[in-house]
Amino acid sequence: MRNRALAIIGIAHPDFRDPLMREAEKTRLF
């Protein structure tokens, strides 16, 4: 659960401004 929360924080991080990149990260992490 902690890893999932950290992943969500990582996705929400300003470095992931591009929506497509955010979606790609989501599918990769989950």
PDB file of N, CA and C in Angstrom:
ATOM      1  N   MET A   1       0.839  -1.205   0.000  1.00  0.00           N
ATOM      2  CA  MET A   1       0.000   0.000   0.000  1.00  0.00           C
ATOM      3  C   MET A   1       0.875   1.257   0.000  1.00  0.00           C
ATOM      4  N   ARG A   2       1.945   1.210   0.785  1.00  0.00           N
ATOM      5  CA  ARG A   2       2.849   2.356   0.844  1.00  0.00           C
ATOM      6  C   ARG A   2       3.471   2.620  -0.531  1.00  0.00           C
ATOM      7  N   ASN A   3       3.878   1.536  -1.207  1.00  0.00           N
ATOM      8  CA  ASN A   3       4.476   1.692  -2.537  1.00  0.00           C
ATOM      9  C   ASN A   3       3.489   2.319  -3.513  1.00  0.00           C
ATOM     10  N   ARG A   4       2.239   1.915  -3.410  1.00  0.00           N
ATOM     11  CA  ARG A   4       1.202   2.463  -4.292  1.00  0.00           C
ATOM     12  C   ARG A   4       1.031   3.955  -4.036  1.00  0.00           C
ATOM     13  N   ALA A   5       1.026   4.356  -2.770  1.00  0.00           N
ATOM     14  CA  ALA A   5       0.880   5.770  -2.424  1.00  0.00           C
ATOM     15  C   ALA A   5       2.065   6.566  -2.961  1.00  0.00           C
ATOM     16  N   LEU A   6       3.270   6.014  -2.812  1.00  0.00           N
ATOM     17  CA  LEU A   6       4.463   6.696  -3.314  1.00  0.00           C
ATOM     18  C   LEU A   6       4.405   6.822  -4.832  1.00  0.00           C
ATOM     19  N   ALA A   7       3.892   5.797  -5.495  1.00  0.00           N
ATOM     20  CA  ALA A   7       3.763   5.834  -6.953  1.00  0.00           C
ATOM     21  C   ALA A   7       2.785   6.927  -7.372  1.00  0.00           C
ATOM     22  N   ILE A   8       1.680   7.052  -6.638  1.00  0.00           N
ATOM     23  CA  ILE A   8       0.688   8.089  -6.934  1.00  0.00           C
ATOM     24  C   ILE A   8       1.316   9.466  -6.754  1.00  0.00           C
ATOM     25  N   ILE A   9       2.097   9.630  -5.693  1.00  0.00           N
ATOM     26  CA  ILE A   9       2.783  10.897  -5.453  1.00  0.00           C
ATOM     27  C   ILE A   9       3.750  11.178  -6.603  1.00  0.00           C
ATOM     28  N   GLY A  10       4.448  10.128  -7.052  1.00  0.00           N
ATOM     29  CA  GLY A  10       5.384  10.293  -8.162  1.00  0.00           C
ATOM     30  C   GLY A  10       4.670  10.722  -9.437  1.00  0.00           C
ATOM     31  N   ILE A  11       3.490  10.130  -9.678  1.00  0.00           N
ATOM     32  CA  ILE A  11       2.715  10.476 -10.869  1.00  0.00           C
ATOM     33  C   ILE A  11       2.238  11.929 -10.777  1.00  0.00           C
ATOM     34  N   ALA A  12       1.883  12.366  -9.575  1.00  0.00           N
ATOM     35  CA  ALA A  12       1.362  13.713  -9.384  1.00  0.00           C
ATOM     36  C   ALA A  12       2.476  14.754  -9.330  1.00  0.00           C
ATOM     37  N   HIS A  13       3.729  14.294  -9.288  1.00  0.00           N
ATOM     38  CA  HIS A  13       4.878  15.198  -9.196  1.00  0.00           C
ATOM     39  C   HIS A  13       4.943  16.104 -10.426  1.00  0.00           C
ATOM     40  N   PRO A  14       5.333  17.361 -10.241  1.00  0.00           N
ATOM     41  CA  PRO A  14       5.413  18.342 -11.341  1.00  0.00           C
ATOM     42  C   PRO A  14       6.252  17.866 -12.524  1.00  0.00           C
ATOM     43  N   ASP A  15       7.182  16.929 -12.299  1.00  0.00           N
ATOM     44  CA  ASP A  15       8.003  16.425 -13.399  1.00  0.00           C
ATOM     45  C   ASP A  15       7.143  15.724 -14.446  1.00  0.00           C
ATOM     46  N   PHE A  16       5.959  15.249 -14.019  1.00  0.00           N
ATOM     47  CA  PHE A  16       5.072  14.549 -14.947  1.00  0.00           C
ATOM     48  C   PHE A  16       3.960  15.487 -15.403  1.00  0.00           C
ATOM     49  N   ARG A  17       4.358  16.585 -16.034  1.00  0.00           N
ATOM     50  CA  ARG A  17       3.361  17.564 -16.464  1.00  0.00           C
ATOM     51  C   ARG A  17       2.573  17.055 -17.665  1.00  0.00           C
ATOM     52  N   ASP A  18       3.248  16.289 -18.533  1.00  0.00           N
ATOM     53  CA  ASP A  18       2.597  15.826 -19.757  1.00  0.00           C
ATOM     54  C   ASP A  18       1.589  14.718 -19.452  1.00  0.00           C
ATOM     55  N   PRO A  19       0.322  14.911 -19.812  1.00  0.00           N
ATOM     56  CA  PRO A  19      -0.735  13.928 -19.512  1.00  0.00           C
ATOM     57  C   PRO A  19      -0.442  12.552 -20.100  1.00  0.00           C
ATOM     58  N   LEU A  20       0.124  12.507 -21.305  1.00  0.00           N
ATOM     59  CA  LEU A  20       0.415  11.220 -21.936  1.00  0.00           C
ATOM     60  C   LEU A  20       1.487  10.489 -21.155  1.00  0.00           C
ATOM     61  N   MET A  21       2.490  11.218 -20.696  1.00  0.00           N
ATOM     62  CA  MET A  21       3.554  10.605 -19.900  1.00  0.00           C
ATOM     63  C   MET A  21       2.964  10.097 -18.586  1.00  0.00           C
ATOM     64  N   ARG A  22       2.039  10.873 -18.016  1.00  0.00           N
ATOM     65  CA  ARG A  22       1.408  10.477 -16.765  1.00  0.00           C
ATOM     66  C   ARG A  22       0.640   9.169 -16.956  1.00  0.00           C
ATOM     67  N   GLU A  23      -0.089   9.069 -18.061  1.00  0.00           N
ATOM     68  CA  GLU A  23      -0.841   7.840 -18.355  1.00  0.00           C
ATOM     69  C   GLU A  23       0.108   6.667 -18.549  1.00  0.00           C
ATOM     70  N   ALA A  24       1.221   6.902 -19.231  1.00  0.00           N
ATOM     71  CA  ALA A  24       2.199   5.837 -19.470  1.00  0.00           C
ATOM     72  C   ALA A  24       2.775   5.351 -18.140  1.00  0.00           C
ATOM     73  N   GLU A  25       3.084   6.287 -17.253  1.00  0.00           N
ATOM     74  CA  GLU A  25       3.617   5.917 -15.941  1.00  0.00           C
ATOM     75  C   GLU A  25       2.576   5.127 -15.153  1.00  0.00           C
ATOM     76  N   LYS A  26       1.318   5.530 -15.268  1.00  0.00           N
ATOM     77  CA  LYS A  26       0.252   4.843 -14.536  1.00  0.00           C
ATOM     78  C   LYS A  26       0.155   3.380 -14.974  1.00  0.00           C
ATOM     79  N   THR A  27       0.180   3.157 -16.291  1.00  0.00           N
ATOM     80  CA  THR A  27       0.043   1.786 -16.774  1.00  0.00           C
ATOM     81  C   THR A  27       1.275   0.971 -16.413  1.00  0.00           C
ATOM     82  N   ARG A  28       2.439   1.608 -16.359  1.00  0.00           N
ATOM     83  CA  ARG A  28       3.671   0.893 -16.040  1.00  0.00           C
ATOM     84  C   ARG A  28       3.720   0.517 -14.564  1.00  0.00           C
ATOM     85  N   LEU A  29       3.278   1.441 -13.707  1.00  0.00           N
ATOM     86  CA  LEU A  29       3.394   1.215 -12.262  1.00  0.00           C
ATOM     87  C   LEU A  29       2.277   0.318 -11.729  1.00  0.00           C
ATOM     88  N   PHE A  30       1.103   0.378 -12.363  1.00  0.00           N
ATOM     89  CA  PHE A  30      -0.016  -0.410 -11.844  1.00  0.00           C
ATOM     90  C   PHE A  30      -0.316  -1.572 -12.782  1.00  0.00           C
TER      91      PHE A  30
END
